[in-house]
Amino acid sequence: MSANHRSGRDHTVIDIIDDLEKSKKCKKCIFRVPNVLWRQNPAAYTPDVASIGPFHSYRGKEEGKGGKEGNGEKYFQLMERVKASYLKEILMGMKKTLKELTAEVIKLSDQKNEGEFDQRARAFYAEPLDDHISSEEFINMMIVDGCFLIQLFLKCNDPKLRAFDDPVFNMDCMFHFLCHDILLLENQLPWFVNCYPQFV
């Protein structure tokens, strides 16, 4: 009995090690919603107020493109302004410009021998992004969205950090819409992106 139990445990250990090796090779973990689900209820998979990452990044930059009906685009544009405000707060605290922060994030990625920041981040998305977003635009998006999430979590944890006119916390339901949006399958960043600004 104990010999069988031991061999089963050893087999499990081998399976876990094999899975870890496979996960190092295949990093794709941010996917589009399958069409068969999307067709049933597109609104369930579309962000209400905020685009995080590349899949819905066109929203908020141009009026009337895609997404939900009604005030959706207005809220996207509002959240783009909030992102800029949160980024400014982080940069002021770090005493850096966005250009300096970007350069340091790229440098840190190179020092860790993890490959180029741009290529490493793109590798997490199941859909190729090369044809519709430049390297500079993609890196900027990763850093802006990553800083936005970090600042959002900090403000959630410490109300003293919130500005009196912060629409995330002062507009009815905005925080709840945002919480919904950052959990959506297509509205994600690779986790490592959120770690970089803390080490710079």
N, C-alpha and C. Protein backbone atom coordinates (compact mmCIF):
# COMPACT_ATOMS: atom_id res chain seq x y z
N MET A 1 0.82 -1.21 0.00
CA MET A 1 0.00 0.00 0.00
C MET A 1 0.85 1.26 0.00
N SER A 2 1.86 1.29 0.90
CA SER A 2 2.71 2.49 0.97
C SER A 2 3.54 2.65 -0.29
N ALA A 3 3.94 1.51 -0.89
CA ALA A 3 4.73 1.61 -2.14
C ALA A 3 3.87 2.22 -3.24
N ASN A 4 2.60 1.81 -3.31
CA ASN A 4 1.69 2.38 -4.31
C ASN A 4 1.46 3.86 -4.05
N HIS A 5 1.26 4.18 -2.78
CA HIS A 5 1.04 5.59 -2.43
C HIS A 5 2.25 6.44 -2.81
N ARG A 6 3.44 5.91 -2.54
CA ARG A 6 4.66 6.66 -2.85
C ARG A 6 4.79 6.84 -4.36
N SER A 7 4.53 5.78 -5.13
CA SER A 7 4.69 5.91 -6.58
C SER A 7 3.66 6.89 -7.14
N GLY A 8 2.44 6.91 -6.57
CA GLY A 8 1.44 7.88 -7.01
C GLY A 8 1.87 9.30 -6.73
N ARG A 9 2.46 9.52 -5.55
CA ARG A 9 2.95 10.85 -5.19
C ARG A 9 4.08 11.26 -6.12
N ASP A 10 5.01 10.32 -6.39
CA ASP A 10 6.12 10.64 -7.31
C ASP A 10 5.59 11.00 -8.68
N HIS A 11 4.55 10.28 -9.13
CA HIS A 11 3.96 10.56 -10.42
C HIS A 11 3.35 11.97 -10.44
N THR A 12 2.71 12.34 -9.32
CA THR A 12 2.12 13.67 -9.21
C THR A 12 3.19 14.75 -9.27
N VAL A 13 4.30 14.51 -8.56
CA VAL A 13 5.41 15.47 -8.58
C VAL A 13 5.94 15.64 -9.99
N ILE A 14 6.09 14.54 -10.71
CA ILE A 14 6.59 14.60 -12.09
C ILE A 14 5.61 15.39 -12.95
N ASP A 15 4.28 15.13 -12.77
CA ASP A 15 3.28 15.86 -13.53
C ASP A 15 3.37 17.36 -13.28
N ILE A 16 3.55 17.76 -12.03
CA ILE A 16 3.63 19.18 -11.68
C ILE A 16 4.87 19.80 -12.32
N ILE A 17 6.00 19.09 -12.26
CA ILE A 17 7.24 19.59 -12.87
C ILE A 17 7.06 19.73 -14.38
N ASP A 18 6.43 18.72 -15.01
CA ASP A 18 6.17 18.79 -16.45
C ASP A 18 5.28 19.98 -16.79
N ASP A 19 4.23 20.21 -15.96
CA ASP A 19 3.33 21.34 -16.18
C ASP A 19 4.06 22.66 -16.05
N LEU A 20 4.96 22.76 -15.07
CA LEU A 20 5.73 24.00 -14.90
C LEU A 20 6.61 24.26 -16.11
N GLU A 21 7.25 23.21 -16.63
CA GLU A 21 8.10 23.36 -17.81
C GLU A 21 7.27 23.81 -19.01
N LYS A 22 6.08 23.23 -19.17
CA LYS A 22 5.21 23.62 -20.28
C LYS A 22 4.77 25.07 -20.14
N SER A 23 4.48 25.51 -18.88
CA SER A 23 4.00 26.88 -18.68
C SER A 23 5.10 27.89 -18.99
N LYS A 24 6.36 27.50 -18.81
CA LYS A 24 7.45 28.42 -19.15
C LYS A 24 7.51 28.63 -20.66
N LYS A 25 7.17 27.58 -21.42
CA LYS A 25 7.24 27.67 -22.88
C LYS A 25 6.01 28.38 -23.45
N CYS A 26 4.84 28.15 -22.86
CA CYS A 26 3.59 28.71 -23.37
C CYS A 26 3.02 29.69 -22.36
N LYS A 27 3.19 30.98 -22.63
CA LYS A 27 2.75 32.00 -21.69
C LYS A 27 1.40 32.59 -22.04
N LYS A 28 0.82 32.16 -23.12
CA LYS A 28 -0.45 32.76 -23.55
C LYS A 28 -1.51 32.54 -22.49
N CYS A 29 -1.97 33.61 -21.87
CA CYS A 29 -2.99 33.48 -20.83
C CYS A 29 -4.04 34.59 -20.87
N ILE A 30 -3.96 35.47 -21.86
CA ILE A 30 -4.97 36.52 -22.01
C ILE A 30 -5.62 36.31 -23.38
N PHE A 31 -6.87 35.92 -23.35
CA PHE A 31 -7.56 35.47 -24.56
C PHE A 31 -8.75 36.36 -24.90
N ARG A 32 -9.16 36.27 -26.14
CA ARG A 32 -10.44 36.84 -26.55
C ARG A 32 -11.54 35.88 -26.12
N VAL A 33 -12.72 36.41 -25.88
CA VAL A 33 -13.88 35.57 -25.58
C VAL A 33 -14.21 34.78 -26.85
N PRO A 34 -14.41 33.47 -26.74
CA PRO A 34 -14.76 32.69 -27.93
C PRO A 34 -16.03 33.22 -28.60
N ASN A 35 -16.04 33.22 -29.91
CA ASN A 35 -17.17 33.77 -30.67
C ASN A 35 -18.51 33.14 -30.28
N VAL A 36 -18.49 31.85 -29.98
CA VAL A 36 -19.74 31.17 -29.64
C VAL A 36 -20.36 31.78 -28.38
N LEU A 37 -19.55 32.25 -27.45
CA LEU A 37 -20.06 32.94 -26.25
C LEU A 37 -20.38 34.40 -26.54
N TRP A 38 -19.49 35.03 -27.31
CA TRP A 38 -19.65 36.46 -27.62
C TRP A 38 -20.98 36.73 -28.32
N ARG A 39 -21.34 35.86 -29.27
CA ARG A 39 -22.57 36.04 -30.03
C ARG A 39 -23.81 36.01 -29.15
N GLN A 40 -23.79 35.24 -28.06
CA GLN A 40 -24.95 35.12 -27.18
C GLN A 40 -25.25 36.43 -26.45
N ASN A 41 -24.17 37.15 -26.01
CA ASN A 41 -24.38 38.36 -25.23
C ASN A 41 -23.12 39.23 -25.26
N PRO A 42 -22.89 39.97 -26.35
CA PRO A 42 -21.66 40.76 -26.47
C PRO A 42 -21.46 41.75 -25.32
N ALA A 43 -22.55 42.31 -24.80
CA ALA A 43 -22.43 43.31 -23.72
C ALA A 43 -21.82 42.71 -22.46
N ALA A 44 -22.00 41.40 -22.25
CA ALA A 44 -21.46 40.77 -21.04
C ALA A 44 -19.94 40.73 -21.05
N TYR A 45 -19.33 40.84 -22.21
CA TYR A 45 -17.87 40.71 -22.34
C TYR A 45 -17.20 42.01 -22.75
N THR A 46 -17.98 43.09 -22.80
CA THR A 46 -17.47 44.39 -23.22
C THR A 46 -17.34 45.31 -22.02
N PRO A 47 -16.20 45.97 -21.84
CA PRO A 47 -16.06 46.89 -20.70
C PRO A 47 -17.06 48.04 -20.77
N ASP A 48 -17.49 48.48 -19.59
CA ASP A 48 -18.43 49.59 -19.49
C ASP A 48 -17.72 50.94 -19.51
N VAL A 49 -16.61 51.06 -18.77
CA VAL A 49 -16.00 52.38 -18.57
C VAL A 49 -14.50 52.44 -18.83
N ALA A 50 -13.80 51.30 -18.82
CA ALA A 50 -12.34 51.36 -18.91
C ALA A 50 -11.77 50.24 -19.76
N SER A 51 -10.83 50.62 -20.60
CA SER A 51 -10.07 49.66 -21.38
C SER A 51 -8.74 49.44 -20.69
N ILE A 52 -8.42 48.17 -20.41
CA ILE A 52 -7.14 47.80 -19.83
C ILE A 52 -6.48 46.86 -20.84
N GLY A 53 -5.30 47.22 -21.32
CA GLY A 53 -4.63 46.40 -22.32
C GLY A 53 -5.11 46.71 -23.73
N PRO A 54 -4.67 45.90 -24.69
CA PRO A 54 -4.85 46.25 -26.10
C PRO A 54 -6.19 45.90 -26.75
N PHE A 55 -6.93 44.93 -26.22
CA PHE A 55 -8.09 44.43 -26.95
C PHE A 55 -9.20 45.46 -27.13
N HIS A 56 -9.37 46.38 -26.19
CA HIS A 56 -10.40 47.41 -26.31
C HIS A 56 -9.78 48.80 -26.28
N SER A 57 -8.51 48.89 -26.62
CA SER A 57 -7.77 50.15 -26.46
C SER A 57 -8.24 51.27 -27.38
N TYR A 58 -8.90 50.93 -28.49
CA TYR A 58 -9.40 51.98 -29.40
C TYR A 58 -10.54 52.76 -28.76
N ARG A 59 -11.21 52.17 -27.77
CA ARG A 59 -12.36 52.85 -27.15
C ARG A 59 -11.87 53.98 -26.27
N GLY A 60 -12.58 55.05 -26.26
CA GLY A 60 -12.22 56.21 -25.46
C GLY A 60 -11.30 57.16 -26.21
N LYS A 61 -10.71 56.67 -27.31
CA LYS A 61 -9.84 57.52 -28.10
C LYS A 61 -10.60 58.11 -29.28
N GLU A 62 -11.63 57.39 -29.72
CA GLU A 62 -12.44 57.87 -30.83
C GLU A 62 -13.92 57.71 -30.47
N GLU A 63 -14.72 58.66 -30.82
CA GLU A 63 -16.15 58.59 -30.56
C GLU A 63 -16.80 57.52 -31.44
N GLY A 64 -17.76 56.82 -30.83
CA GLY A 64 -18.64 55.96 -31.61
C GLY A 64 -18.07 54.67 -32.15
N LYS A 65 -16.92 54.19 -31.63
CA LYS A 65 -16.38 52.95 -32.15
C LYS A 65 -16.72 51.79 -31.23
N GLY A 66 -17.50 50.85 -31.70
CA GLY A 66 -17.72 49.60 -30.99
C GLY A 66 -18.30 49.74 -29.61
N GLY A 67 -18.46 48.57 -28.93
CA GLY A 67 -18.83 48.58 -27.53
C GLY A 67 -20.31 48.79 -27.29
N LYS A 68 -20.61 49.17 -26.08
CA LYS A 68 -21.99 49.31 -25.64
C LYS A 68 -22.60 50.62 -26.10
N GLU A 69 -23.91 50.61 -26.16
CA GLU A 69 -24.64 51.81 -26.59
C GLU A 69 -24.72 52.83 -25.46
N GLY A 70 -25.18 54.01 -25.77
CA GLY A 70 -25.44 55.02 -24.74
C GLY A 70 -24.21 55.80 -24.35
N ASN A 71 -23.98 55.92 -23.04
CA ASN A 71 -22.91 56.77 -22.52
C ASN A 71 -21.55 56.08 -22.48
N GLY A 72 -21.42 54.87 -23.02
CA GLY A 72 -20.18 54.11 -22.93
C GLY A 72 -18.94 54.88 -23.35
N GLU A 73 -19.00 55.52 -24.53
CA GLU A 73 -17.82 56.22 -25.03
C GLU A 73 -17.46 57.42 -24.16
N LYS A 74 -18.47 58.11 -23.65
CA LYS A 74 -18.23 59.25 -22.77
C LYS A 74 -17.48 58.78 -21.52
N TYR A 75 -17.89 57.63 -20.96
CA TYR A 75 -17.23 57.12 -19.76
C TYR A 75 -15.82 56.63 -20.08
N PHE A 76 -15.63 56.07 -21.26
CA PHE A 76 -14.28 55.65 -21.64
C PHE A 76 -13.35 56.85 -21.72
N GLN A 77 -13.81 57.92 -22.29
CA GLN A 77 -12.98 59.13 -22.38
C GLN A 77 -12.71 59.70 -21.00
N LEU A 78 -13.70 59.65 -20.12
CA LEU A 78 -13.50 60.10 -18.74
C LEU A 78 -12.42 59.25 -18.07
N MET A 79 -12.47 57.94 -18.25
CA MET A 79 -11.50 57.06 -17.60
C MET A 79 -10.11 57.23 -18.19
N GLU A 80 -10.00 57.59 -19.47
CA GLU A 80 -8.69 57.89 -20.04
C GLU A 80 -8.08 59.11 -19.34
N ARG A 81 -8.92 60.09 -19.01
CA ARG A 81 -8.43 61.26 -18.26
C ARG A 81 -8.03 60.87 -16.84
N VAL A 82 -8.78 59.96 -16.23
CA VAL A 82 -8.44 59.48 -14.89
C VAL A 82 -7.10 58.73 -14.93
N LYS A 83 -6.92 57.91 -15.96
CA LYS A 83 -5.64 57.20 -16.11
C LYS A 83 -4.48 58.19 -16.17
N ALA A 84 -4.65 59.25 -16.96
CA ALA A 84 -3.60 60.27 -17.08
C ALA A 84 -3.34 60.93 -15.73
N SER A 85 -4.40 61.19 -14.97
CA SER A 85 -4.26 61.81 -13.65
C SER A 85 -3.54 60.89 -12.68
N TYR A 86 -3.90 59.62 -12.66
CA TYR A 86 -3.25 58.65 -11.77
C TYR A 86 -1.78 58.48 -12.14
N LEU A 87 -1.51 58.44 -13.45
CA LEU A 87 -0.12 58.32 -13.91
C LEU A 87 0.69 59.53 -13.44
N LYS A 88 0.10 60.72 -13.57
CA LYS A 88 0.79 61.94 -13.14
C LYS A 88 1.12 61.87 -11.64
N GLU A 89 0.17 61.37 -10.84
CA GLU A 89 0.41 61.24 -9.40
C GLU A 89 1.59 60.30 -9.12
N ILE A 90 1.63 59.17 -9.81
CA ILE A 90 2.73 58.22 -9.61
C ILE A 90 4.05 58.83 -10.04
N LEU A 91 4.06 59.48 -11.21
CA LEU A 91 5.30 60.07 -11.71
C LEU A 91 5.80 61.18 -10.79
N MET A 92 4.89 61.98 -10.25
CA MET A 92 5.30 63.03 -9.31
C MET A 92 5.93 62.41 -8.06
N GLY A 93 5.34 61.33 -7.57
CA GLY A 93 5.88 60.64 -6.41
C GLY A 93 7.25 60.05 -6.67
N MET A 94 7.47 59.59 -7.90
CA MET A 94 8.77 59.01 -8.28
C MET A 94 9.76 60.07 -8.74
N LYS A 95 9.25 61.28 -8.97
CA LYS A 95 10.06 62.37 -9.53
C LYS A 95 10.69 61.95 -10.87
N LYS A 96 9.83 61.42 -11.74
CA LYS A 96 10.27 60.97 -13.06
C LYS A 96 9.26 61.44 -14.11
N THR A 97 9.71 61.46 -15.34
CA THR A 97 8.80 61.66 -16.46
C THR A 97 8.38 60.29 -16.98
N LEU A 98 7.34 60.25 -17.80
CA LEU A 98 6.92 58.98 -18.38
C LEU A 98 8.04 58.39 -19.22
N LYS A 99 8.76 59.24 -19.94
CA LYS A 99 9.86 58.77 -20.77
C LYS A 99 10.94 58.11 -19.90
N GLU A 100 11.25 58.72 -18.76
CA GLU A 100 12.27 58.16 -17.86
C GLU A 100 11.80 56.84 -17.25
N LEU A 101 10.52 56.81 -16.84
CA LEU A 101 9.98 55.57 -16.28
C LEU A 101 10.00 54.45 -17.31
N THR A 102 9.60 54.76 -18.53
CA THR A 102 9.60 53.77 -19.61
C THR A 102 11.00 53.23 -19.84
N ALA A 103 11.98 54.12 -19.91
CA ALA A 103 13.37 53.71 -20.13
C ALA A 103 13.85 52.80 -19.00
N GLU A 104 13.48 53.13 -17.76
CA GLU A 104 13.93 52.32 -16.62
C GLU A 104 13.24 50.96 -16.59
N VAL A 105 11.96 50.91 -16.97
CA VAL A 105 11.25 49.63 -17.02
C VAL A 105 11.89 48.73 -18.07
N ILE A 106 12.20 49.28 -19.23
CA ILE A 106 12.83 48.50 -20.30
C ILE A 106 14.21 48.03 -19.85
N LYS A 107 14.96 48.91 -19.22
CA LYS A 107 16.30 48.56 -18.72
C LYS A 107 16.22 47.44 -17.67
N LEU A 108 15.27 47.54 -16.76
CA LEU A 108 15.10 46.53 -15.72
C LEU A 108 14.74 45.18 -16.34
N SER A 109 13.89 45.19 -17.35
CA SER A 109 13.52 43.97 -18.04
C SER A 109 14.75 43.33 -18.68
N ASP A 110 15.59 44.15 -19.30
CA ASP A 110 16.82 43.64 -19.92
C ASP A 110 17.78 43.07 -18.88
N GLN A 111 17.89 43.73 -17.72
CA GLN A 111 18.80 43.27 -16.66
C GLN A 111 18.38 41.92 -16.10
N LYS A 112 17.08 41.67 -16.10
CA LYS A 112 16.58 40.40 -15.55
C LYS A 112 16.69 39.27 -16.58
N ASN A 113 17.23 39.56 -17.75
CA ASN A 113 17.35 38.57 -18.82
C ASN A 113 16.02 37.90 -19.14
N GLU A 114 14.97 38.68 -19.15
CA GLU A 114 13.64 38.16 -19.44
C GLU A 114 13.22 38.46 -20.88
N GLY A 115 14.11 39.01 -21.65
CA GLY A 115 13.76 39.40 -23.00
C GLY A 115 13.25 40.82 -23.03
N GLU A 116 13.03 41.32 -24.21
CA GLU A 116 12.54 42.68 -24.35
C GLU A 116 11.16 42.80 -23.72
N PHE A 117 10.95 43.90 -23.02
CA PHE A 117 9.68 44.15 -22.32
C PHE A 117 8.51 44.01 -23.28
N ASP A 118 8.60 44.64 -24.44
CA ASP A 118 7.53 44.63 -25.43
C ASP A 118 7.18 43.20 -25.84
N GLN A 119 8.20 42.44 -26.24
CA GLN A 119 7.95 41.08 -26.73
C GLN A 119 7.45 40.17 -25.62
N ARG A 120 8.00 40.35 -24.41
CA ARG A 120 7.57 39.53 -23.28
C ARG A 120 6.10 39.78 -22.96
N ALA A 121 5.69 41.04 -22.95
CA ALA A 121 4.29 41.36 -22.66
C ALA A 121 3.37 40.85 -23.76
N ARG A 122 3.77 41.03 -25.01
CA ARG A 122 2.93 40.56 -26.13
C ARG A 122 2.74 39.05 -26.09
N ALA A 123 3.74 38.32 -25.58
CA ALA A 123 3.68 36.86 -25.56
C ALA A 123 2.55 36.33 -24.67
N PHE A 124 2.03 37.16 -23.76
CA PHE A 124 0.95 36.72 -22.89
C PHE A 124 -0.41 36.77 -23.58
N TYR A 125 -0.50 37.50 -24.69
CA TYR A 125 -1.77 37.64 -25.41
C TYR A 125 -1.88 36.55 -26.46
N ALA A 126 -3.02 35.85 -26.46
CA ALA A 126 -3.21 34.74 -27.40
C ALA A 126 -3.33 35.22 -28.84
N GLU A 127 -3.73 36.45 -29.02
CA GLU A 127 -3.92 37.00 -30.36
C GLU A 127 -2.71 37.84 -30.74
N PRO A 128 -2.18 37.66 -31.96
CA PRO A 128 -1.05 38.51 -32.37
C PRO A 128 -1.45 39.98 -32.42
N LEU A 129 -0.61 40.84 -31.89
CA LEU A 129 -0.92 42.27 -31.82
C LEU A 129 -0.03 43.10 -32.74
N ASP A 130 0.88 42.45 -33.44
CA ASP A 130 1.91 43.15 -34.21
C ASP A 130 1.36 44.03 -35.31
N ASP A 131 0.24 43.62 -35.91
CA ASP A 131 -0.22 44.32 -37.10
C ASP A 131 -0.99 45.61 -36.81
N HIS A 132 -1.45 45.83 -35.58
CA HIS A 132 -2.26 47.02 -35.35
C HIS A 132 -1.79 47.91 -34.20
N ILE A 133 -0.65 47.60 -33.61
CA ILE A 133 -0.16 48.47 -32.53
C ILE A 133 1.37 48.45 -32.51
N SER A 134 1.94 49.64 -32.59
CA SER A 134 3.41 49.74 -32.65
C SER A 134 4.02 49.40 -31.30
N SER A 135 5.31 49.12 -31.31
CA SER A 135 6.03 48.77 -30.09
C SER A 135 5.96 49.91 -29.08
N GLU A 136 6.20 51.14 -29.53
CA GLU A 136 6.18 52.30 -28.64
C GLU A 136 4.79 52.50 -28.03
N GLU A 137 3.76 52.38 -28.85
CA GLU A 137 2.38 52.55 -28.37
C GLU A 137 2.01 51.44 -27.37
N PHE A 138 2.45 50.22 -27.66
CA PHE A 138 2.14 49.08 -26.79
C PHE A 138 2.82 49.23 -25.43
N ILE A 139 4.11 49.59 -25.41
CA ILE A 139 4.83 49.77 -24.15
C ILE A 139 4.19 50.89 -23.34
N ASN A 140 3.85 51.99 -24.00
CA ASN A 140 3.20 53.11 -23.33
C ASN A 140 1.88 52.66 -22.69
N MET A 141 1.10 51.89 -23.43
CA MET A 141 -0.18 51.39 -22.93
C MET A 141 0.03 50.51 -21.70
N MET A 142 1.02 49.61 -21.76
CA MET A 142 1.29 48.71 -20.64
C MET A 142 1.64 49.52 -19.38
N ILE A 143 2.48 50.52 -19.54
CA ILE A 143 2.93 51.31 -18.39
C ILE A 143 1.80 52.19 -17.84
N VAL A 144 1.07 52.86 -18.73
CA VAL A 144 -0.03 53.72 -18.29
C VAL A 144 -1.11 52.88 -17.59
N ASP A 145 -1.50 51.77 -18.21
CA ASP A 145 -2.55 50.94 -17.60
C ASP A 145 -2.05 50.29 -16.31
N GLY A 146 -0.79 49.86 -16.29
CA GLY A 146 -0.23 49.26 -15.08
C GLY A 146 -0.18 50.26 -13.93
N CYS A 147 0.26 51.48 -14.21
CA CYS A 147 0.29 52.54 -13.18
C CYS A 147 -1.12 52.87 -12.71
N PHE A 148 -2.07 52.89 -13.64
CA PHE A 148 -3.46 53.16 -13.28
C PHE A 148 -3.96 52.12 -12.27
N LEU A 149 -3.71 50.83 -12.54
CA LEU A 149 -4.18 49.78 -11.64
C LEU A 149 -3.50 49.86 -10.28
N ILE A 150 -2.19 50.12 -10.27
CA ILE A 150 -1.47 50.24 -9.00
C ILE A 150 -2.05 51.38 -8.18
N GLN A 151 -2.25 52.53 -8.82
CA GLN A 151 -2.79 53.69 -8.10
C GLN A 151 -4.23 53.44 -7.64
N LEU A 152 -5.00 52.75 -8.46
CA LEU A 152 -6.37 52.41 -8.08
C LEU A 152 -6.38 51.54 -6.82
N PHE A 153 -5.51 50.53 -6.78
CA PHE A 153 -5.45 49.64 -5.61
C PHE A 153 -4.98 50.39 -4.37
N LEU A 154 -4.03 51.29 -4.56
CA LEU A 154 -3.55 52.09 -3.43
C LEU A 154 -4.68 52.97 -2.87
N LYS A 155 -5.44 53.59 -3.77
CA LYS A 155 -6.55 54.47 -3.33
C LYS A 155 -7.67 53.66 -2.69
N CYS A 156 -7.89 52.46 -3.17
CA CYS A 156 -8.91 51.60 -2.53
C CYS A 156 -8.51 51.29 -1.10
N ASN A 157 -7.23 51.06 -0.91
CA ASN A 157 -6.71 50.68 0.40
C ASN A 157 -6.60 51.87 1.36
N ASP A 158 -6.35 53.06 0.81
CA ASP A 158 -6.14 54.24 1.65
C ASP A 158 -6.96 55.42 1.12
N PRO A 159 -8.15 55.65 1.68
CA PRO A 159 -9.02 56.74 1.21
C PRO A 159 -8.36 58.12 1.26
N LYS A 160 -7.34 58.30 2.09
CA LYS A 160 -6.67 59.61 2.18
C LYS A 160 -5.96 59.97 0.87
N LEU A 161 -5.68 58.96 0.03
CA LEU A 161 -5.01 59.22 -1.24
C LEU A 161 -5.97 59.70 -2.33
N ARG A 162 -7.25 59.60 -2.08
CA ARG A 162 -8.25 59.96 -3.10
C ARG A 162 -8.44 61.47 -3.16
N ALA A 163 -8.43 62.00 -4.37
CA ALA A 163 -8.75 63.42 -4.55
C ALA A 163 -10.25 63.62 -4.33
N PHE A 164 -10.62 64.81 -3.86
CA PHE A 164 -12.04 65.07 -3.58
C PHE A 164 -12.89 64.99 -4.83
N ASP A 165 -12.28 65.22 -6.01
CA ASP A 165 -13.05 65.21 -7.25
C ASP A 165 -12.74 63.98 -8.12
N ASP A 166 -12.20 62.92 -7.53
CA ASP A 166 -11.87 61.70 -8.27
C ASP A 166 -13.17 61.01 -8.69
N PRO A 167 -13.46 60.94 -9.99
CA PRO A 167 -14.73 60.36 -10.43
C PRO A 167 -14.87 58.88 -10.12
N VAL A 168 -13.76 58.17 -9.97
CA VAL A 168 -13.84 56.74 -9.66
C VAL A 168 -14.57 56.53 -8.33
N PHE A 169 -14.28 57.39 -7.37
CA PHE A 169 -14.85 57.21 -6.04
C PHE A 169 -16.01 58.16 -5.73
N ASN A 170 -16.22 59.17 -6.58
CA ASN A 170 -17.25 60.17 -6.29
C ASN A 170 -18.47 60.11 -7.20
N MET A 171 -18.38 59.41 -8.31
CA MET A 171 -19.54 59.27 -9.20
C MET A 171 -20.29 58.00 -8.85
N ASP A 172 -21.61 58.08 -8.82
CA ASP A 172 -22.42 56.91 -8.49
C ASP A 172 -22.07 55.73 -9.39
N CYS A 173 -21.79 54.61 -8.79
CA CYS A 173 -21.57 53.32 -9.46
C CYS A 173 -20.28 53.24 -10.27
N MET A 174 -19.52 54.32 -10.42
CA MET A 174 -18.33 54.27 -11.27
C MET A 174 -17.33 53.22 -10.76
N PHE A 175 -17.10 53.18 -9.45
CA PHE A 175 -16.17 52.20 -8.91
C PHE A 175 -16.65 50.78 -9.19
N HIS A 176 -17.94 50.54 -9.10
CA HIS A 176 -18.49 49.20 -9.35
C HIS A 176 -18.35 48.82 -10.83
N PHE A 177 -18.61 49.79 -11.73
CA PHE A 177 -18.40 49.53 -13.16
C PHE A 177 -16.93 49.19 -13.42
N LEU A 178 -16.04 49.93 -12.79
CA LEU A 178 -14.61 49.73 -12.99
C LEU A 178 -14.18 48.36 -12.47
N CYS A 179 -14.68 47.97 -11.29
CA CYS A 179 -14.36 46.64 -10.75
C CYS A 179 -14.80 45.54 -11.71
N HIS A 180 -15.99 45.71 -12.29
CA HIS A 180 -16.47 44.75 -13.28
C HIS A 180 -15.52 44.69 -14.48
N ASP A 181 -15.13 45.87 -14.96
CA ASP A 181 -14.29 45.92 -16.17
C ASP A 181 -12.93 45.29 -15.98
N ILE A 182 -12.31 45.49 -14.81
CA ILE A 182 -10.94 44.97 -14.65
C ILE A 182 -10.92 43.46 -14.42
N LEU A 183 -12.10 42.86 -14.30
CA LEU A 183 -12.18 41.40 -14.18
C LEU A 183 -12.51 40.72 -15.51
N LEU A 184 -12.84 41.49 -16.53
CA LEU A 184 -13.22 40.90 -17.82
C LEU A 184 -12.04 40.19 -18.48
N LEU A 185 -12.34 39.10 -19.14
CA LEU A 185 -11.32 38.26 -19.78
C LEU A 185 -10.45 39.04 -20.76
N GLU A 186 -11.05 39.90 -21.55
CA GLU A 186 -10.30 40.62 -22.59
C GLU A 186 -9.67 41.91 -22.08
N ASN A 187 -9.83 42.22 -20.82
CA ASN A 187 -9.42 43.51 -20.28
C ASN A 187 -8.31 43.31 -19.24
N GLN A 188 -7.23 42.64 -19.65
CA GLN A 188 -6.20 42.23 -18.70
C GLN A 188 -4.80 42.67 -19.15
N LEU A 189 -3.92 42.78 -18.14
CA LEU A 189 -2.49 43.00 -18.38
C LEU A 189 -1.73 41.79 -17.87
N PRO A 190 -0.58 41.50 -18.46
CA PRO A 190 0.28 40.48 -17.84
C PRO A 190 0.65 40.93 -16.42
N TRP A 191 0.67 40.02 -15.47
CA TRP A 191 0.90 40.38 -14.08
C TRP A 191 2.23 41.09 -13.88
N PHE A 192 3.28 40.64 -14.60
CA PHE A 192 4.61 41.22 -14.38
C PHE A 192 4.65 42.71 -14.68
N VAL A 193 3.75 43.19 -15.56
CA VAL A 193 3.73 44.61 -15.90
C VAL A 193 3.43 45.45 -14.66
N ASN A 194 2.52 44.98 -13.82
CA ASN A 194 2.17 45.71 -12.61
C ASN A 194 3.28 45.71 -11.56
N CYS A 195 4.21 44.78 -11.68
CA CYS A 195 5.30 44.70 -10.70
C CYS A 195 6.42 45.70 -11.01
N TYR A 196 6.65 46.03 -12.25
CA TYR A 196 7.80 46.85 -12.62
C TYR A 196 7.85 48.24 -11.98
N PRO A 197 6.77 49.02 -12.01
CA PRO A 197 6.88 50.37 -11.44
C PRO A 197 7.29 50.38 -9.96
N GLN A 198 7.03 49.30 -9.25
CA GLN A 198 7.38 49.23 -7.84
C GLN A 198 8.88 49.07 -7.64
N PHE A 199 9.58 48.52 -8.65
CA PHE A 199 11.01 48.26 -8.50
C PHE A 199 11.87 49.34 -9.12
N VAL A 200 11.27 50.25 -9.85
CA VAL A 200 12.04 51.30 -10.55
C VAL A 200 12.40 52.40 -9.55
